[in-house]
Amino acid sequence: MKWENVREQYPDRWVVFEALAAHTEEDTRFVGELAVIDHFMEGRDAMKRQHELHKAHPTREYYFFHTSRENLNIVERKWAGIRGFRA
């Protein structure tokens, strides 16, 4: 499904989706095809569901966005460093 179709089908909703076809150009992730997994009225519910999915399937690409957004602007952030390192 394309983002335009999602916006039509789920107006004014938070949607949690999996990116099925995506690519990166410079620091931006472009999602061509996606599968809607769930939708919510509240953003915190969508965030919680996305977190649950990511925890269960860490190699898959899950996002949540509000359908009021015309475009999916996904900026990839590279992080450097070590998490949880204690001396």
C-alpha atoms as a PDB file:
ATOM      1  CA  MET A   1       0.000   0.000   0.000  1.00  0.00           C
ATOM      2  CA  LYS A   2       1.191   3.543  -0.670  1.00  0.00           C
ATOM      3  CA  TRP A   3       1.131   6.320   1.946  1.00  0.00           C
ATOM      4  CA  GLU A   4      -1.437   8.248  -0.116  1.00  0.00           C
ATOM      5  CA  ASN A   5      -3.832   5.277   0.138  1.00  0.00           C
ATOM      6  CA  VAL A   6      -3.234   4.962   3.874  1.00  0.00           C
ATOM      7  CA  ARG A   7      -4.117   8.628   4.351  1.00  0.00           C
ATOM      8  CA  GLU A   8      -7.387   8.118   2.478  1.00  0.00           C
ATOM      9  CA  GLN A   9      -8.312   4.924   4.309  1.00  0.00           C
ATOM     10  CA  TYR A  10      -7.354   6.128   7.830  1.00  0.00           C
ATOM     11  CA  PRO A  11      -8.041   9.890   7.962  1.00  0.00           C
ATOM     12  CA  ASP A  12      -6.911  11.724  11.090  1.00  0.00           C
ATOM     13  CA  ARG A  13      -5.462   8.580  12.695  1.00  0.00           C
ATOM     14  CA  TRP A  14      -2.129   7.350  13.985  1.00  0.00           C
ATOM     15  CA  VAL A  15      -1.042   4.318  11.986  1.00  0.00           C
ATOM     16  CA  VAL A  16       1.579   1.726  12.819  1.00  0.00           C
ATOM     17  CA  PHE A  17       3.034   0.140   9.723  1.00  0.00           C
ATOM     18  CA  GLU A  18       5.820  -2.046   8.429  1.00  0.00           C
ATOM     19  CA  ALA A  19       7.953  -0.822   5.548  1.00  0.00           C
ATOM     20  CA  LEU A  20       7.882  -3.544   2.897  1.00  0.00           C
ATOM     21  CA  ALA A  21       9.899  -1.722   0.239  1.00  0.00           C
ATOM     22  CA  ALA A  22      12.205   1.095   1.284  1.00  0.00           C
ATOM     23  CA  HIS A  23      15.516   2.662   0.376  1.00  0.00           C
ATOM     24  CA  THR A  24      17.854   5.318   1.732  1.00  0.00           C
ATOM     25  CA  GLU A  25      19.182   8.371  -0.067  1.00  0.00           C
ATOM     26  CA  GLU A  26      21.742  10.320   1.944  1.00  0.00           C
ATOM     27  CA  ASP A  27      20.105  10.514   5.394  1.00  0.00           C
ATOM     28  CA  THR A  28      16.456  10.074   4.342  1.00  0.00           C
ATOM     29  CA  ARG A  29      14.520   6.793   4.331  1.00  0.00           C
ATOM     30  CA  PHE A  30      11.932   6.502   1.553  1.00  0.00           C
ATOM     31  CA  VAL A  31       9.124   3.969   1.997  1.00  0.00           C
ATOM     32  CA  GLY A  32       7.574   2.841  -1.276  1.00  0.00           C
ATOM     33  CA  GLU A  33       5.302   0.067  -0.028  1.00  0.00           C
ATOM     34  CA  LEU A  34       3.965  -0.432   3.461  1.00  0.00           C
ATOM     35  CA  ALA A  35       1.570  -2.658   5.366  1.00  0.00           C
ATOM     36  CA  VAL A  36      -0.672  -1.085   7.998  1.00  0.00           C
ATOM     37  CA  ILE A  37      -0.622  -3.150  11.172  1.00  0.00           C
ATOM     38  CA  ASP A  38      -2.788  -1.046  13.461  1.00  0.00           C
ATOM     39  CA  HIS A  39      -4.351   2.397  13.831  1.00  0.00           C
ATOM     40  CA  PHE A  40      -5.142   4.569  16.838  1.00  0.00           C
ATOM     41  CA  MET A  41      -6.639   7.876  17.871  1.00  0.00           C
ATOM     42  CA  GLU A  42      -3.841   8.573  20.363  1.00  0.00           C
ATOM     43  CA  GLY A  43      -0.156   8.868  19.475  1.00  0.00           C
ATOM     44  CA  ARG A  44       1.022   7.242  22.705  1.00  0.00           C
ATOM     45  CA  ASP A  45      -0.950   4.092  21.843  1.00  0.00           C
ATOM     46  CA  ALA A  46       0.670   3.951  18.410  1.00  0.00           C
ATOM     47  CA  MET A  47       4.112   4.488  19.923  1.00  0.00           C
ATOM     48  CA  LYS A  48       3.519   1.686  22.438  1.00  0.00           C
ATOM     49  CA  ARG A  49       2.396  -0.717  19.687  1.00  0.00           C
ATOM     50  CA  GLN A  50       5.395   0.160  17.498  1.00  0.00           C
ATOM     51  CA  HIS A  51       7.716  -0.466  20.443  1.00  0.00           C
ATOM     52  CA  GLU A  52       6.114  -3.861  21.124  1.00  0.00           C
ATOM     53  CA  LEU A  53       6.493  -4.872  17.478  1.00  0.00           C
ATOM     54  CA  HIS A  54      10.105  -3.723  17.308  1.00  0.00           C
ATOM     55  CA  LYS A  55      10.936  -5.614  20.489  1.00  0.00           C
ATOM     56  CA  ALA A  56       9.361  -8.804  19.115  1.00  0.00           C
ATOM     57  CA  HIS A  57      10.897  -8.456  15.618  1.00  0.00           C
ATOM     58  CA  PRO A  58      13.992  -6.199  15.821  1.00  0.00           C
ATOM     59  CA  THR A  59      15.110  -6.831  12.233  1.00  0.00           C
ATOM     60  CA  ARG A  60      11.859  -5.564  10.720  1.00  0.00           C
ATOM     61  CA  GLU A  61      11.147  -1.936   9.929  1.00  0.00           C
ATOM     62  CA  TYR A  62       8.196  -0.528  11.920  1.00  0.00           C
ATOM     63  CA  TYR A  63       7.095   3.099  12.070  1.00  0.00           C
ATOM     64  CA  PHE A  64       4.167   5.133  13.333  1.00  0.00           C
ATOM     65  CA  PHE A  65       2.922   8.354  11.754  1.00  0.00           C
ATOM     66  CA  HIS A  66      -0.187  10.489  11.797  1.00  0.00           C
ATOM     67  CA  THR A  67      -2.115  10.541   8.543  1.00  0.00           C
ATOM     68  CA  SER A  68      -2.323  14.334   8.616  1.00  0.00           C
ATOM     69  CA  ARG A  69       1.274  14.255   7.353  1.00  0.00           C
ATOM     70  CA  GLU A  70       1.346  14.582   3.603  1.00  0.00           C
ATOM     71  CA  ASN A  71       4.712  12.850   3.273  1.00  0.00           C
ATOM     72  CA  LEU A  72       6.690  10.333   5.252  1.00  0.00           C
ATOM     73  CA  ASN A  73       9.816  12.259   6.192  1.00  0.00           C
ATOM     74  CA  ILE A  74      11.997   9.678   7.893  1.00  0.00           C
ATOM     75  CA  VAL A  75      15.455  10.961   8.753  1.00  0.00           C
ATOM     76  CA  GLU A  76      18.006   8.309   9.638  1.00  0.00           C
ATOM     77  CA  ARG A  77      20.187   9.290  12.534  1.00  0.00           C
ATOM     78  CA  LYS A  78      23.531   7.617  12.933  1.00  0.00           C
ATOM     79  CA  TRP A  79      24.765   7.319  16.467  1.00  0.00           C
ATOM     80  CA  ALA A  80      28.294   6.822  17.604  1.00  0.00           C
ATOM     81  CA  GLY A  81      29.302   5.543  20.956  1.00  0.00           C
ATOM     82  CA  ILE A  82      28.723   2.699  23.293  1.00  0.00           C
ATOM     83  CA  ARG A  83      25.466   2.314  25.164  1.00  0.00           C
ATOM     84  CA  GLY A  84      25.573   1.211  28.748  1.00  0.00           C
ATOM     85  CA  PHE A  85      29.351   1.354  29.055  1.00  0.00           C
ATOM     86  CA  ARG A  86      30.470   1.721  32.645  1.00  0.00           C
ATOM     87  CA  ALA A  87      34.028   2.072  33.788  1.00  0.00           C
END
